[in-house]
C-alpha atoms as a PDB file:
ATOM      1  CA  UNK A   1      -0.002   0.281  -0.029  1.00  0.00           C
ATOM      2  CA  UNK A   2       1.164   3.242  -0.838  1.00  0.00           C
ATOM      3  CA  UNK A   3       2.209   5.780   1.427  1.00  0.00           C
ATOM      4  CA  UNK A   4      -1.248   7.707   0.388  1.00  0.00           C
ATOM      5  CA  UNK A   5      -3.209   5.257   0.294  1.00  0.00           C
ATOM      6  CA  UNK A   6      -2.185   4.368   3.763  1.00  0.00           C
ATOM      7  CA  UNK A   7      -2.292   7.800   4.942  1.00  0.00           C
ATOM      8  CA  UNK A   8      -6.300   8.076   3.530  1.00  0.00           C
ATOM      9  CA  UNK A   9      -7.147   4.741   5.316  1.00  0.00           C
ATOM     10  CA  UNK A  10      -5.996   6.862   8.399  1.00  0.00           C
ATOM     11  CA  UNK A  11      -8.252   9.507   8.169  1.00  0.00           C
ATOM     12  CA  UNK A  12     -11.422   7.482   7.742  1.00  0.00           C
ATOM     13  CA  UNK A  13     -10.394   5.513  11.200  1.00  0.00           C
ATOM     14  CA  UNK A  14      -9.913   8.760  13.085  1.00  0.00           C
ATOM     15  CA  UNK A  15     -13.056  10.085  11.376  1.00  0.00           C
ATOM     16  CA  UNK A  16     -11.611  13.329  10.158  1.00  0.00           C
ATOM     17  CA  UNK A  17     -14.225  15.474   7.731  1.00  0.00           C
ATOM     18  CA  UNK A  18     -12.478  16.628   4.786  1.00  0.00           C
ATOM     19  CA  UNK A  19     -14.962  19.387   4.569  1.00  0.00           C
ATOM     20  CA  UNK A  20     -13.099  22.729   6.046  1.00  0.00           C
ATOM     21  CA  UNK A  21     -16.264  25.103   5.639  1.00  0.00           C
ATOM     22  CA  UNK A  22     -17.801  25.048   9.359  1.00  0.00           C
ATOM     23  CA  UNK A  23     -16.270  25.390  12.282  1.00  0.00           C
ATOM     24  CA  UNK A  24     -14.408  21.762  14.002  1.00  0.00           C
ATOM     25  CA  UNK A  25     -16.848  20.103  15.720  1.00  0.00           C
ATOM     26  CA  UNK A  26     -16.651  19.682  19.579  1.00  0.00           C
ATOM     27  CA  UNK A  27     -15.296  15.992  20.875  1.00  0.00           C
ATOM     28  CA  UNK A  28     -12.564  15.777  18.486  1.00  0.00           C
ATOM     29  CA  UNK A  29      -9.385  13.910  19.661  1.00  0.00           C
ATOM     30  CA  UNK A  30      -6.266  15.166  19.482  1.00  0.00           C
ATOM     31  CA  UNK A  31      -5.341  13.484  16.580  1.00  0.00           C
ATOM     32  CA  UNK A  32      -8.375  13.852  14.592  1.00  0.00           C
ATOM     33  CA  UNK A  33      -8.245  17.808  15.442  1.00  0.00           C
ATOM     34  CA  UNK A  34      -4.401  17.867  14.548  1.00  0.00           C
ATOM     35  CA  UNK A  35      -5.098  16.353  11.061  1.00  0.00           C
ATOM     36  CA  UNK A  36      -8.007  18.303  10.396  1.00  0.00           C
ATOM     37  CA  UNK A  37      -7.851  19.532   6.625  1.00  0.00           C
ATOM     38  CA  UNK A  38      -8.231  23.447   7.786  1.00  0.00           C
ATOM     39  CA  UNK A  39      -4.521  22.849   8.728  1.00  0.00           C
ATOM     40  CA  UNK A  40      -3.522  21.820   4.767  1.00  0.00           C
ATOM     41  CA  UNK A  41      -3.764  24.152   1.660  1.00  0.00           C
ATOM     42  CA  UNK A  42      -6.411  24.296   0.548  1.00  0.00           C
ATOM     43  CA  UNK A  43      -8.129  24.525   2.893  1.00  0.00           C
ATOM     44  CA  UNK A  44      -5.717  27.057   5.235  1.00  0.00           C
ATOM     45  CA  UNK A  45      -5.796  29.547   2.799  1.00  0.00           C
ATOM     46  CA  UNK A  46      -9.638  30.987   3.162  1.00  0.00           C
ATOM     47  CA  UNK A  47      -9.758  29.585   6.893  1.00  0.00           C
ATOM     48  CA  UNK A  48     -11.347  32.344   8.839  1.00  0.00           C
ATOM     49  CA  UNK A  49     -10.307  33.473  11.646  1.00  0.00           C
ATOM     50  CA  UNK A  50     -14.027  32.182  13.617  1.00  0.00           C
ATOM     51  CA  UNK A  51     -12.784  28.821  12.696  1.00  0.00           C
ATOM     52  CA  UNK A  52      -9.276  29.160  13.898  1.00  0.00           C
ATOM     53  CA  UNK A  53      -9.912  30.483  17.430  1.00  0.00           C
ATOM     54  CA  UNK A  54     -12.868  27.736  17.949  1.00  0.00           C
ATOM     55  CA  UNK A  55      -9.961  25.712  18.983  1.00  0.00           C
ATOM     56  CA  UNK A  56      -6.783  28.058  19.681  1.00  0.00           C
ATOM     57  CA  UNK A  57      -9.214  30.951  21.206  1.00  0.00           C
ATOM     58  CA  UNK A  58      -6.077  30.668  23.772  1.00  0.00           C
ATOM     59  CA  UNK A  59      -3.761  32.901  21.891  1.00  0.00           C
ATOM     60  CA  UNK A  60      -5.975  35.500  22.926  1.00  0.00           C
ATOM     61  CA  UNK A  61      -6.530  35.276  26.124  1.00  0.00           C
ATOM     62  CA  UNK A  62      -4.395  38.417  28.568  1.00  0.00           C
ATOM     63  CA  UNK A  63      -1.661  36.081  30.127  1.00  0.00           C
ATOM     64  CA  UNK A  64       1.601  38.522  30.950  1.00  0.00           C
ATOM     65  CA  UNK A  65       3.623  37.999  33.724  1.00  0.00           C
ATOM     66  CA  UNK A  66       3.316  40.705  36.501  1.00  0.00           C
ATOM     67  CA  UNK A  67       6.666  39.951  37.323  1.00  0.00           C
ATOM     68  CA  UNK A  68       9.358  37.585  35.586  1.00  0.00           C
ATOM     69  CA  UNK A  69      10.788  34.987  36.936  1.00  0.00           C
ATOM     70  CA  UNK A  70      13.932  36.604  38.001  1.00  0.00           C
ATOM     71  CA  UNK A  71      10.934  39.359  40.473  1.00  0.00           C
ATOM     72  CA  UNK A  72      11.471  42.204  37.765  1.00  0.00           C
ATOM     73  CA  UNK A  73       8.348  43.757  37.435  1.00  0.00           C
ATOM     74  CA  UNK A  74       6.552  44.002  33.848  1.00  0.00           C
ATOM     75  CA  UNK A  75       5.547  47.675  35.372  1.00  0.00           C
ATOM     76  CA  UNK A  76       9.167  48.685  35.650  1.00  0.00           C
ATOM     77  CA  UNK A  77      10.450  47.913  33.022  1.00  0.00           C
ATOM     78  CA  UNK A  78      11.116  49.496  29.596  1.00  0.00           C
ATOM     79  CA  UNK A  79      11.672  47.464  26.191  1.00  0.00           C
ATOM     80  CA  UNK A  80      13.268  49.666  23.167  1.00  0.00           C
ATOM     81  CA  UNK A  81      10.360  49.004  21.629  1.00  0.00           C
ATOM     82  CA  UNK A  82       7.681  50.168  24.086  1.00  0.00           C
ATOM     83  CA  UNK A  83      10.082  53.955  23.485  1.00  0.00           C
ATOM     84  CA  UNK A  84       8.196  54.431  20.459  1.00  0.00           C
ATOM     85  CA  UNK A  85       4.630  56.874  21.075  1.00  0.00           C
ATOM     86  CA  UNK A  86       2.607  54.059  18.316  1.00  0.00           C
ATOM     87  CA  UNK A  87       3.596  51.741  21.409  1.00  0.00           C
ATOM     88  CA  UNK A  88       0.615  52.183  23.980  1.00  0.00           C
ATOM     89  CA  UNK A  89      -0.536  50.444  27.249  1.00  0.00           C
ATOM     90  CA  UNK A  90       0.405  47.524  29.228  1.00  0.00           C
ATOM     91  CA  UNK A  91       2.410  44.689  28.380  1.00  0.00           C
ATOM     92  CA  UNK A  92       1.168  42.459  25.629  1.00  0.00           C
ATOM     93  CA  UNK A  93       1.039  39.037  24.526  1.00  0.00           C
ATOM     94  CA  UNK A  94       2.396  38.493  21.406  1.00  0.00           C
ATOM     95  CA  UNK A  95      -0.972  37.501  19.450  1.00  0.00           C
ATOM     96  CA  UNK A  96      -2.856  39.810  21.139  1.00  0.00           C
ATOM     97  CA  UNK A  97      -0.111  42.964  20.235  1.00  0.00           C
ATOM     98  CA  UNK A  98      -0.802  41.839  16.503  1.00  0.00           C
ATOM     99  CA  UNK A  99      -4.368  41.034  16.399  1.00  0.00           C
ATOM    100  CA  UNK A 100      -6.871  43.157  18.789  1.00  0.00           C
ATOM    101  CA  UNK A 101      -4.946  45.710  20.714  1.00  0.00           C
ATOM    102  CA  UNK A 102      -6.194  49.771  19.473  1.00  0.00           C
ATOM    103  CA  UNK A 103      -3.445  50.163  17.901  1.00  0.00           C
ATOM    104  CA  UNK A 104      -3.352  46.752  15.818  1.00  0.00           C
ATOM    105  CA  UNK A 105      -7.428  47.449  15.078  1.00  0.00           C
ATOM    106  CA  UNK A 106      -6.338  50.909  13.790  1.00  0.00           C
ATOM    107  CA  UNK A 107      -3.619  50.147  11.352  1.00  0.00           C
ATOM    108  CA  UNK A 108      -3.379  46.206  10.621  1.00  0.00           C
ATOM    109  CA  UNK A 109      -6.337  44.144   9.018  1.00  0.00           C
ATOM    110  CA  UNK A 110      -3.901  40.778  10.077  1.00  0.00           C
ATOM    111  CA  UNK A 111      -5.341  37.410  10.300  1.00  0.00           C
ATOM    112  CA  UNK A 112      -4.703  34.368  11.434  1.00  0.00           C
ATOM    113  CA  UNK A 113      -3.632  33.526   7.827  1.00  0.00           C
ATOM    114  CA  UNK A 114      -1.815  35.976   7.242  1.00  0.00           C
ATOM    115  CA  UNK A 115       1.221  34.391   8.659  1.00  0.00           C
ATOM    116  CA  UNK A 116       0.028  30.226   9.646  1.00  0.00           C
ATOM    117  CA  UNK A 117      -0.366  28.761   6.412  1.00  0.00           C
ATOM    118  CA  UNK A 118      -0.080  25.431   7.760  1.00  0.00           C
ATOM    119  CA  UNK A 119       2.255  23.371   8.197  1.00  0.00           C
ATOM    120  CA  UNK A 120       3.104  19.421   7.913  1.00  0.00           C
ATOM    121  CA  UNK A 121       3.296  17.935  11.274  1.00  0.00           C
ATOM    122  CA  UNK A 122       5.057  15.105   9.218  1.00  0.00           C
ATOM    123  CA  UNK A 123       8.212  16.955   8.454  1.00  0.00           C
ATOM    124  CA  UNK A 124       8.374  18.212  11.878  1.00  0.00           C
ATOM    125  CA  UNK A 125      10.924  17.524  14.281  1.00  0.00           C
ATOM    126  CA  UNK A 126      12.970  18.517  17.715  1.00  0.00           C
ATOM    127  CA  UNK A 127      15.776  17.894  16.440  1.00  0.00           C
ATOM    128  CA  UNK A 128      17.289  21.595  16.076  1.00  0.00           C
ATOM    129  CA  UNK A 129      20.481  20.927  15.823  1.00  0.00           C
ATOM    130  CA  UNK A 130      23.428  20.338  13.924  1.00  0.00           C
ATOM    131  CA  UNK A 131      22.872  16.413  14.105  1.00  0.00           C
ATOM    132  CA  UNK A 132      19.219  17.182  12.932  1.00  0.00           C
ATOM    133  CA  UNK A 133      17.478  15.744   9.711  1.00  0.00           C
ATOM    134  CA  UNK A 134      18.191  18.375   7.411  1.00  0.00           C
ATOM    135  CA  UNK A 135      14.799  16.942   4.946  1.00  0.00           C
ATOM    136  CA  UNK A 136      12.925  18.037   8.226  1.00  0.00           C
ATOM    137  CA  UNK A 137      11.200  21.463   8.936  1.00  0.00           C
ATOM    138  CA  UNK A 138      12.806  22.961  12.067  1.00  0.00           C
ATOM    139  CA  UNK A 139       8.985  23.853  13.472  1.00  0.00           C
ATOM    140  CA  UNK A 140       8.789  26.547  10.974  1.00  0.00           C
ATOM    141  CA  UNK A 141       5.739  26.997  11.260  1.00  0.00           C
ATOM    142  CA  UNK A 142       5.199  30.733   9.942  1.00  0.00           C
ATOM    143  CA  UNK A 143       7.119  31.722   6.993  1.00  0.00           C
ATOM    144  CA  UNK A 144      10.375  34.124   8.343  1.00  0.00           C
ATOM    145  CA  UNK A 145       9.332  36.529   5.417  1.00  0.00           C
ATOM    146  CA  UNK A 146       6.021  37.360   6.849  1.00  0.00           C
ATOM    147  CA  UNK A 147       7.755  38.613  10.484  1.00  0.00           C
ATOM    148  CA  UNK A 148      10.285  40.335   8.412  1.00  0.00           C
ATOM    149  CA  UNK A 149       8.144  42.735   6.292  1.00  0.00           C
ATOM    150  CA  UNK A 150       7.511  44.479   8.998  1.00  0.00           C
ATOM    151  CA  UNK A 151      10.410  43.912  11.663  1.00  0.00           C
ATOM    152  CA  UNK A 152      13.198  43.079   9.435  1.00  0.00           C
ATOM    153  CA  UNK A 153      16.335  45.880   9.539  1.00  0.00           C
ATOM    154  CA  UNK A 154      15.905  48.729   7.450  1.00  0.00           C
ATOM    155  CA  UNK A 155      19.327  49.914   6.390  1.00  0.00           C
ATOM    156  CA  UNK A 156      19.467  53.393   5.418  1.00  0.00           C
ATOM    157  CA  UNK A 157      21.365  52.590   2.266  1.00  0.00           C
ATOM    158  CA  UNK A 158      18.290  50.275   1.273  1.00  0.00           C
ATOM    159  CA  UNK A 159      16.417  54.000  -0.117  1.00  0.00           C
ATOM    160  CA  UNK A 160      20.163  55.682  -0.566  1.00  0.00           C
ATOM    161  CA  UNK A 161      20.012  57.929   2.075  1.00  0.00           C
ATOM    162  CA  UNK A 162      23.800  59.333   2.567  1.00  0.00           C
ATOM    163  CA  UNK A 163      23.728  58.988   6.047  1.00  0.00           C
ATOM    164  CA  UNK A 164      21.939  57.094   9.161  1.00  0.00           C
ATOM    165  CA  UNK A 165      18.228  57.365   9.737  1.00  0.00           C
ATOM    166  CA  UNK A 166      19.229  59.826  12.485  1.00  0.00           C
ATOM    167  CA  UNK A 167      21.378  61.987  10.314  1.00  0.00           C
ATOM    168  CA  UNK A 168      18.497  61.957   8.134  1.00  0.00           C
ATOM    169  CA  UNK A 169      15.584  62.646  10.357  1.00  0.00           C
ATOM    170  CA  UNK A 170      17.063  65.884  11.826  1.00  0.00           C
ATOM    171  CA  UNK A 171      17.303  66.647   7.842  1.00  0.00           C
ATOM    172  CA  UNK A 172      14.088  66.436   7.525  1.00  0.00           C
ATOM    173  CA  UNK A 173      12.613  67.281  11.312  1.00  0.00           C
ATOM    174  CA  UNK A 174      11.538  63.281  11.417  1.00  0.00           C
ATOM    175  CA  UNK A 175       8.631  64.074   9.503  1.00  0.00           C
ATOM    176  CA  UNK A 176       8.854  61.268   6.088  1.00  0.00           C
ATOM    177  CA  UNK A 177       6.250  62.911   4.299  1.00  0.00           C
ATOM    178  CA  UNK A 178       7.976  65.749   3.112  1.00  0.00           C
ATOM    179  CA  UNK A 179       9.750  63.077   0.882  1.00  0.00           C
ATOM    180  CA  UNK A 180       7.323  60.929   0.525  1.00  0.00           C
ATOM    181  CA  UNK A 181       4.329  62.906  -0.287  1.00  0.00           C
ATOM    182  CA  UNK A 182       6.362  62.683  -4.354  1.00  0.00           C
ATOM    183  CA  UNK A 183       8.443  59.509  -4.016  1.00  0.00           C
ATOM    184  CA  UNK A 184       7.021  55.827  -3.276  1.00  0.00           C
ATOM    185  CA  UNK A 185       3.102  57.410  -3.118  1.00  0.00           C
ATOM    186  CA  UNK A 186       1.672  53.703  -4.492  1.00  0.00           C
ATOM    187  CA  UNK A 187       2.776  52.147  -1.237  1.00  0.00           C
ATOM    188  CA  UNK A 188       0.647  49.841   2.471  1.00  0.00           C
ATOM    189  CA  UNK A 189      -1.863  48.969  -0.440  1.00  0.00           C
ATOM    190  CA  UNK A 190      -2.104  45.351   0.563  1.00  0.00           C
ATOM    191  CA  UNK A 191      -5.178  43.558   2.786  1.00  0.00           C
ATOM    192  CA  UNK A 192      -3.350  43.080   5.490  1.00  0.00           C
ATOM    193  CA  UNK A 193      -3.097  46.830   6.738  1.00  0.00           C
ATOM    194  CA  UNK A 194      -5.080  49.871   6.577  1.00  0.00           C
ATOM    195  CA  UNK A 195      -3.411  52.365   4.064  1.00  0.00           C
ATOM    196  CA  UNK A 196      -5.860  55.233   4.958  1.00  0.00           C
ATOM    197  CA  UNK A 197      -4.942  55.223   8.596  1.00  0.00           C
ATOM    198  CA  UNK A 198      -1.214  55.097   8.277  1.00  0.00           C
ATOM    199  CA  UNK A 199      -1.066  57.178   5.916  1.00  0.00           C
ATOM    200  CA  UNK A 200      -3.453  59.955   8.222  1.00  0.00           C
ATOM    201  CA  UNK A 201      -1.505  59.002  11.600  1.00  0.00           C
ATOM    202  CA  UNK A 202       1.598  59.608   9.797  1.00  0.00           C
ATOM    203  CA  UNK A 203       1.167  63.410   9.657  1.00  0.00           C
ATOM    204  CA  UNK A 204       0.206  62.927  13.458  1.00  0.00           C
ATOM    205  CA  UNK A 205       3.314  61.239  14.910  1.00  0.00           C
ATOM    206  CA  UNK A 206       6.400  60.041  13.024  1.00  0.00           C
ATOM    207  CA  UNK A 207       6.868  56.953  14.618  1.00  0.00           C
ATOM    208  CA  UNK A 208       3.905  56.027  13.104  1.00  0.00           C
ATOM    209  CA  UNK A 209       6.460  55.482  10.336  1.00  0.00           C
ATOM    210  CA  UNK A 210       9.811  55.010  12.020  1.00  0.00           C
ATOM    211  CA  UNK A 211       7.995  51.812  14.107  1.00  0.00           C
ATOM    212  CA  UNK A 212       7.928  49.528  10.781  1.00  0.00           C
ATOM    213  CA  UNK A 213      10.444  50.921   9.498  1.00  0.00           C
ATOM    214  CA  UNK A 214      13.419  50.944  11.780  1.00  0.00           C
ATOM    215  CA  UNK A 215      11.631  51.052  15.052  1.00  0.00           C
ATOM    216  CA  UNK A 216      11.181  47.472  15.279  1.00  0.00           C
ATOM    217  CA  UNK A 217      13.535  45.301  13.535  1.00  0.00           C
ATOM    218  CA  UNK A 218      13.569  42.734  15.657  1.00  0.00           C
ATOM    219  CA  UNK A 219      16.241  40.322  12.541  1.00  0.00           C
ATOM    220  CA  UNK A 220      19.384  41.730  11.303  1.00  0.00           C
ATOM    221  CA  UNK A 221      18.152  40.710   8.063  1.00  0.00           C
ATOM    222  CA  UNK A 222      16.728  43.420   5.650  1.00  0.00           C
ATOM    223  CA  UNK A 223      12.839  42.622   3.334  1.00  0.00           C
ATOM    224  CA  UNK A 224      13.675  43.768  -0.478  1.00  0.00           C
ATOM    225  CA  UNK A 225       9.968  45.489  -0.178  1.00  0.00           C
ATOM    226  CA  UNK A 226       8.497  45.321  -3.790  1.00  0.00           C
ATOM    227  CA  UNK A 227       9.121  49.054  -5.525  1.00  0.00           C
ATOM    228  CA  UNK A 228       5.627  49.841  -6.986  1.00  0.00           C
ATOM    229  CA  UNK A 229       5.261  52.236 -10.022  1.00  0.00           C
ATOM    230  CA  UNK A 230       4.506  55.689  -8.486  1.00  0.00           C
ATOM    231  CA  UNK A 231       3.079  58.493 -10.805  1.00  0.00           C
ATOM    232  CA  UNK A 232       6.399  60.511 -11.357  1.00  0.00           C
ATOM    233  CA  UNK A 233       8.566  57.587 -10.894  1.00  0.00           C
ATOM    234  CA  UNK A 234      11.740  57.743 -12.898  1.00  0.00           C
ATOM    235  CA  UNK A 235      11.989  55.401 -15.174  1.00  0.00           C
ATOM    236  CA  UNK A 236      15.683  54.306 -14.622  1.00  0.00           C
ATOM    237  CA  UNK A 237      15.990  52.561 -11.777  1.00  0.00           C
ATOM    238  CA  UNK A 238      18.889  53.080  -9.152  1.00  0.00           C
ATOM    239  CA  UNK A 239      21.691  50.210  -9.039  1.00  0.00           C
ATOM    240  CA  UNK A 240      20.738  50.037  -4.737  1.00  0.00           C
ATOM    241  CA  UNK A 241      16.678  48.914  -5.988  1.00  0.00           C
ATOM    242  CA  UNK A 242      17.386  46.499  -9.047  1.00  0.00           C
ATOM    243  CA  UNK A 243      16.844  43.516  -7.817  1.00  0.00           C
ATOM    244  CA  UNK A 244      13.480  44.759  -6.157  1.00  0.00           C
ATOM    245  CA  UNK A 245      10.329  43.395  -6.922  1.00  0.00           C
ATOM    246  CA  UNK A 246       7.453  45.216  -8.226  1.00  0.00           C
ATOM    247  CA  UNK A 247       4.501  44.165  -6.863  1.00  0.00           C
ATOM    248  CA  UNK A 248       3.692  42.492  -3.906  1.00  0.00           C
ATOM    249  CA  UNK A 249       2.411  38.840  -3.913  1.00  0.00           C
ATOM    250  CA  UNK A 250      -0.999  38.311  -5.463  1.00  0.00           C
ATOM    251  CA  UNK A 251      -2.496  36.742  -1.969  1.00  0.00           C
ATOM    252  CA  UNK A 252      -1.549  39.946  -0.704  1.00  0.00           C
ATOM    253  CA  UNK A 253      -2.968  42.538  -3.006  1.00  0.00           C
ATOM    254  CA  UNK A 254      -6.255  44.304  -2.050  1.00  0.00           C
ATOM    255  CA  UNK A 255      -9.568  43.205  -4.101  1.00  0.00           C
ATOM    256  CA  UNK A 256      -7.957  39.270  -3.293  1.00  0.00           C
ATOM    257  CA  UNK A 257     -10.939  36.924  -2.134  1.00  0.00           C
ATOM    258  CA  UNK A 258     -11.488  37.177   1.643  1.00  0.00           C
ATOM    259  CA  UNK A 259     -11.890  34.392   3.324  1.00  0.00           C
ATOM    260  CA  UNK A 260     -15.361  35.205   4.025  1.00  0.00           C
ATOM    261  CA  UNK A 261     -16.186  35.322   0.562  1.00  0.00           C
ATOM    262  CA  UNK A 262     -14.230  32.249  -0.738  1.00  0.00           C
ATOM    263  CA  UNK A 263     -16.322  29.187  -1.407  1.00  0.00           C
ATOM    264  CA  UNK A 264     -16.475  26.536   0.981  1.00  0.00           C
ATOM    265  CA  UNK A 265     -13.012  24.691   0.177  1.00  0.00           C
ATOM    266  CA  UNK A 266     -13.124  20.491  -0.468  1.00  0.00           C
ATOM    267  CA  UNK A 267      -9.846  20.033   1.225  1.00  0.00           C
ATOM    268  CA  UNK A 268      -7.792  17.110   1.347  1.00  0.00           C
ATOM    269  CA  UNK A 269      -4.420  16.837   3.762  1.00  0.00           C
ATOM    270  CA  UNK A 270      -1.255  17.157   1.510  1.00  0.00           C
ATOM    271  CA  UNK A 271      -0.044  13.562   0.412  1.00  0.00           C
ATOM    272  CA  UNK A 272       2.660  12.519   2.800  1.00  0.00           C
ATOM    273  CA  UNK A 273       5.155  12.166   0.511  1.00  0.00           C
ATOM    274  CA  UNK A 274       4.418  15.834  -1.109  1.00  0.00           C
ATOM    275  CA  UNK A 275       6.897  18.796   0.602  1.00  0.00           C
ATOM    276  CA  UNK A 276       4.838  21.657   1.321  1.00  0.00           C
ATOM    277  CA  UNK A 277       6.354  24.496  -1.225  1.00  0.00           C
ATOM    278  CA  UNK A 278       7.599  27.297   1.378  1.00  0.00           C
ATOM    279  CA  UNK A 279       5.941  30.430   0.845  1.00  0.00           C
ATOM    280  CA  UNK A 280       7.829  33.899  -0.378  1.00  0.00           C
ATOM    281  CA  UNK A 281       5.519  36.621   1.268  1.00  0.00           C
ATOM    282  CA  UNK A 282       6.191  40.340  -0.103  1.00  0.00           C
ATOM    283  CA  UNK A 283       5.539  43.458   1.333  1.00  0.00           C
ATOM    284  CA  UNK A 284       3.701  47.046   0.959  1.00  0.00           C
ATOM    285  CA  UNK A 285       5.419  49.175  -1.549  1.00  0.00           C
ATOM    286  CA  UNK A 286       7.333  51.352   0.570  1.00  0.00           C
ATOM    287  CA  UNK A 287      10.585  52.755   1.755  1.00  0.00           C
ATOM    288  CA  UNK A 288      13.004  52.881  -1.131  1.00  0.00           C
ATOM    289  CA  UNK A 289      13.347  56.519  -2.267  1.00  0.00           C
ATOM    290  CA  UNK A 290      15.053  57.497  -4.806  1.00  0.00           C
ATOM    291  CA  UNK A 291      17.861  58.990  -5.097  1.00  0.00           C
ATOM    292  CA  UNK A 292      17.706  62.245  -7.623  1.00  0.00           C
ATOM    293  CA  UNK A 293      16.040  61.058 -10.771  1.00  0.00           C
END
């Protein structure tokens, strides 16, 4: 019996439905829930937040420690990213900060499947060391490029700016829109952000821009933002921008089919010997101001 047929038999034995257009029924065993088709493509691509939170509601529960195990009180500690004006309120958990805080609701429109597009438990491994199996995924439940879109390094060289951000900021009164009212005006037009709100708030606080493009670099890697064409864009592409994509990934484009509009999926998990393709996520067109035309 082939691996694919064996897997189909196992699914039948645990009673997993191939429909993913309704909330998971109550009373599923752990294995039944784990192998539910909603965790795999294509069902995960059109899953709604309600479907995900039916089992994963705990990710939005407020569970931040009042003090660390070492005794440091959260109310008395200040992380570097909390120094931005856009960081409001008390400490929050990762998912709450991205989904339900006031600022997240203002400028973001993230969904569960913006970041989570499914993973194959058969390819997971806890052996994340030099002797681990290189053919197995090291528990990467999210494509790191998704994180980099907002939390990657943003070196000033990426925009052709002649000096470090602090110097450039002082030269332009810390107002990104002094230049970006003309350059790179086609920006943020992706379905996981709220472009109108971002533009309006950026006129009031410079940290709205700096927060994502410089103020929250969790990673040392920079992300190659697409350079969407704008009305006065120069025909000659600067050397530092020649390798940039010119369009965001289709699933992030405004107008792409949203979960609530998508037809009920007829989903099957990936075949056991099939490896899920890596997801390359592009980000909103913003952040590279060209040099003189």
